[in-house]
């Protein structure tokens, strides 16, 4: 039986950081649920699952993570258009960083070679 990992230290720093961002986004969504009673976004919950799959070198999880990160970025950009707040601007920045980490050439090259 293969050992499952939450974070794979052998992956490039870009992928490790992307996995941490996926987990952080999901954790903040759950915290927001507890604090304000708002339902967490399905995209953020699925992003945590994609992060776990990326940590365990699953190609499908990497592609799902990219799609979910782009969807999250588009959603945050739409929120920025309507809300014009500093908090939403920070969300846009962190969503863009996540997309950049996942699409970084080092991340793409590593997943192309090593992911199953």
C-alpha atoms as a PDB file:
ATOM      1  CA  UNK A   1       0.000   0.000   0.000  1.00  0.00           C
ATOM      2  CA  UNK A   2       1.401   3.363  -1.016  1.00  0.00           C
ATOM      3  CA  UNK A   3       1.962   5.933   1.689  1.00  0.00           C
ATOM      4  CA  UNK A   4      -0.145   9.076   1.311  1.00  0.00           C
ATOM      5  CA  UNK A   5       1.435  12.474   1.933  1.00  0.00           C
ATOM      6  CA  UNK A   6      -0.033  15.861   2.734  1.00  0.00           C
ATOM      7  CA  UNK A   7       3.066  17.625   1.396  1.00  0.00           C
ATOM      8  CA  UNK A   8       5.781  16.031  -0.742  1.00  0.00           C
ATOM      9  CA  UNK A   9       9.187  17.498   0.081  1.00  0.00           C
ATOM     10  CA  UNK A  10      10.696  16.025  -3.093  1.00  0.00           C
ATOM     11  CA  UNK A  11       8.511  18.183  -5.342  1.00  0.00           C
ATOM     12  CA  UNK A  12       9.728  21.585  -6.577  1.00  0.00           C
ATOM     13  CA  UNK A  13       9.114  24.540  -4.331  1.00  0.00           C
ATOM     14  CA  UNK A  14       6.493  25.911  -6.707  1.00  0.00           C
ATOM     15  CA  UNK A  15       4.318  22.800  -6.363  1.00  0.00           C
ATOM     16  CA  UNK A  16       4.858  22.615  -2.600  1.00  0.00           C
ATOM     17  CA  UNK A  17       3.748  26.225  -2.282  1.00  0.00           C
ATOM     18  CA  UNK A  18       0.725  25.620  -4.513  1.00  0.00           C
ATOM     19  CA  UNK A  19      -0.337  22.680  -2.333  1.00  0.00           C
ATOM     20  CA  UNK A  20      -0.010  24.839   0.779  1.00  0.00           C
ATOM     21  CA  UNK A  21      -2.079  27.590  -0.871  1.00  0.00           C
ATOM     22  CA  UNK A  22      -4.779  25.038  -1.738  1.00  0.00           C
ATOM     23  CA  UNK A  23      -4.919  23.858   1.878  1.00  0.00           C
ATOM     24  CA  UNK A  24      -4.838  27.428   3.205  1.00  0.00           C
ATOM     25  CA  UNK A  25      -7.721  28.523   0.973  1.00  0.00           C
ATOM     26  CA  UNK A  26      -9.848  25.587   2.129  1.00  0.00           C
ATOM     27  CA  UNK A  27      -8.958  26.166   5.791  1.00  0.00           C
ATOM     28  CA  UNK A  28      -9.898  29.837   5.527  1.00  0.00           C
ATOM     29  CA  UNK A  29     -13.194  28.882   3.872  1.00  0.00           C
ATOM     30  CA  UNK A  30     -14.009  26.577   6.785  1.00  0.00           C
ATOM     31  CA  UNK A  31     -12.957  29.269   9.271  1.00  0.00           C
ATOM     32  CA  UNK A  32     -15.230  31.719   7.452  1.00  0.00           C
ATOM     33  CA  UNK A  33     -18.021  29.161   7.811  1.00  0.00           C
ATOM     34  CA  UNK A  34     -17.472  28.908  11.560  1.00  0.00           C
ATOM     35  CA  UNK A  35     -17.083  32.652  12.103  1.00  0.00           C
ATOM     36  CA  UNK A  36     -19.816  34.018   9.856  1.00  0.00           C
ATOM     37  CA  UNK A  37     -22.033  31.056   9.021  1.00  0.00           C
ATOM     38  CA  UNK A  38     -21.478  31.409   5.281  1.00  0.00           C
ATOM     39  CA  UNK A  39     -21.204  28.184   3.323  1.00  0.00           C
ATOM     40  CA  UNK A  40     -17.704  27.492   1.997  1.00  0.00           C
ATOM     41  CA  UNK A  41     -17.292  27.552  -1.730  1.00  0.00           C
ATOM     42  CA  UNK A  42     -17.338  24.145  -3.384  1.00  0.00           C
ATOM     43  CA  UNK A  43     -14.377  25.306  -5.472  1.00  0.00           C
ATOM     44  CA  UNK A  44     -12.282  25.834  -2.329  1.00  0.00           C
ATOM     45  CA  UNK A  45     -13.209  22.465  -0.848  1.00  0.00           C
ATOM     46  CA  UNK A  46     -12.365  20.717  -4.121  1.00  0.00           C
ATOM     47  CA  UNK A  47      -9.138  22.717  -4.286  1.00  0.00           C
ATOM     48  CA  UNK A  48      -8.031  21.116  -0.996  1.00  0.00           C
ATOM     49  CA  UNK A  49      -8.700  17.682  -2.498  1.00  0.00           C
ATOM     50  CA  UNK A  50      -6.723  18.674  -5.585  1.00  0.00           C
ATOM     51  CA  UNK A  51      -3.863  19.814  -3.352  1.00  0.00           C
ATOM     52  CA  UNK A  52      -3.827  16.407  -1.673  1.00  0.00           C
ATOM     53  CA  UNK A  53      -3.751  14.740  -5.083  1.00  0.00           C
ATOM     54  CA  UNK A  54      -0.916  16.991  -6.234  1.00  0.00           C
ATOM     55  CA  UNK A  55       1.059  16.109  -3.111  1.00  0.00           C
ATOM     56  CA  UNK A  56       0.581  12.443  -4.063  1.00  0.00           C
ATOM     57  CA  UNK A  57       1.628  13.060  -7.681  1.00  0.00           C
ATOM     58  CA  UNK A  58      -1.701  12.527  -9.429  1.00  0.00           C
ATOM     59  CA  UNK A  59      -1.884  14.081 -12.888  1.00  0.00           C
ATOM     60  CA  UNK A  60      -5.684  14.399 -12.811  1.00  0.00           C
ATOM     61  CA  UNK A  61      -5.446  16.283  -9.504  1.00  0.00           C
ATOM     62  CA  UNK A  62      -2.916  18.687 -11.011  1.00  0.00           C
ATOM     63  CA  UNK A  63      -5.200  19.478 -13.949  1.00  0.00           C
ATOM     64  CA  UNK A  64      -8.204  19.789 -11.643  1.00  0.00           C
ATOM     65  CA  UNK A  65      -6.188  22.108  -9.400  1.00  0.00           C
ATOM     66  CA  UNK A  66      -5.341  24.351 -12.343  1.00  0.00           C
ATOM     67  CA  UNK A  67      -8.959  24.507 -13.478  1.00  0.00           C
ATOM     68  CA  UNK A  68     -10.225  25.182  -9.950  1.00  0.00           C
ATOM     69  CA  UNK A  69      -7.573  27.853  -9.341  1.00  0.00           C
ATOM     70  CA  UNK A  70      -8.524  29.621 -12.568  1.00  0.00           C
ATOM     71  CA  UNK A  71     -12.236  29.407 -11.655  1.00  0.00           C
ATOM     72  CA  UNK A  72     -11.451  30.850  -8.233  1.00  0.00           C
ATOM     73  CA  UNK A  73      -9.435  33.671  -9.816  1.00  0.00           C
ATOM     74  CA  UNK A  74     -12.266  34.504 -12.221  1.00  0.00           C
ATOM     75  CA  UNK A  75     -14.745  34.511  -9.350  1.00  0.00           C
ATOM     76  CA  UNK A  76     -12.540  36.824  -7.298  1.00  0.00           C
ATOM     77  CA  UNK A  77     -12.090  39.155 -10.275  1.00  0.00           C
ATOM     78  CA  UNK A  78     -15.870  39.298 -10.661  1.00  0.00           C
ATOM     79  CA  UNK A  79     -16.222  40.070  -6.957  1.00  0.00           C
ATOM     80  CA  UNK A  80     -13.636  42.835  -7.308  1.00  0.00           C
ATOM     81  CA  UNK A  81     -15.642  44.438 -10.100  1.00  0.00           C
ATOM     82  CA  UNK A  82     -18.755  44.577  -7.931  1.00  0.00           C
ATOM     83  CA  UNK A  83     -17.368  45.131  -4.427  1.00  0.00           C
ATOM     84  CA  UNK A  84     -14.267  47.328  -4.820  1.00  0.00           C
ATOM     85  CA  UNK A  85     -12.773  46.426  -1.441  1.00  0.00           C
ATOM     86  CA  UNK A  86      -9.228  45.872  -0.249  1.00  0.00           C
ATOM     87  CA  UNK A  87     -10.075  42.385   1.065  1.00  0.00           C
ATOM     88  CA  UNK A  88     -11.285  41.263  -2.337  1.00  0.00           C
ATOM     89  CA  UNK A  89      -8.158  42.752  -3.901  1.00  0.00           C
ATOM     90  CA  UNK A  90      -6.041  40.577  -1.587  1.00  0.00           C
ATOM     91  CA  UNK A  91      -8.105  37.536  -2.565  1.00  0.00           C
ATOM     92  CA  UNK A  92      -7.449  38.310  -6.229  1.00  0.00           C
ATOM     93  CA  UNK A  93      -3.718  38.587  -5.534  1.00  0.00           C
ATOM     94  CA  UNK A  94      -3.562  35.254  -3.709  1.00  0.00           C
ATOM     95  CA  UNK A  95      -5.685  33.538  -6.363  1.00  0.00           C
ATOM     96  CA  UNK A  96      -3.347  34.880  -9.066  1.00  0.00           C
ATOM     97  CA  UNK A  97      -0.328  33.645  -7.109  1.00  0.00           C
ATOM     98  CA  UNK A  98      -1.864  30.173  -6.885  1.00  0.00           C
ATOM     99  CA  UNK A  99      -2.481  30.082 -10.643  1.00  0.00           C
ATOM    100  CA  UNK A 100       1.070  31.303 -11.276  1.00  0.00           C
ATOM    101  CA  UNK A 101       2.545  28.629  -8.997  1.00  0.00           C
ATOM    102  CA  UNK A 102       0.597  25.849 -10.679  1.00  0.00           C
ATOM    103  CA  UNK A 103       1.397  27.054 -14.205  1.00  0.00           C
ATOM    104  CA  UNK A 104       5.041  27.845 -13.498  1.00  0.00           C
ATOM    105  CA  UNK A 105       7.331  26.050 -15.990  1.00  0.00           C
ATOM    106  CA  UNK A 106       9.024  24.133 -13.164  1.00  0.00           C
ATOM    107  CA  UNK A 107       5.653  22.825 -11.915  1.00  0.00           C
ATOM    108  CA  UNK A 108       4.466  21.891 -15.399  1.00  0.00           C
ATOM    109  CA  UNK A 109       7.748  20.143 -16.215  1.00  0.00           C
ATOM    110  CA  UNK A 110       7.765  18.170 -12.955  1.00  0.00           C
ATOM    111  CA  UNK A 111       4.163  16.985 -13.305  1.00  0.00           C
ATOM    112  CA  UNK A 112       4.733  16.050 -16.956  1.00  0.00           C
ATOM    113  CA  UNK A 113       7.607  13.746 -15.982  1.00  0.00           C
ATOM    114  CA  UNK A 114       6.740  12.381 -12.523  1.00  0.00           C
ATOM    115  CA  UNK A 115       2.963  12.426 -12.057  1.00  0.00           C
ATOM    116  CA  UNK A 116       0.912   9.276 -12.714  1.00  0.00           C
END
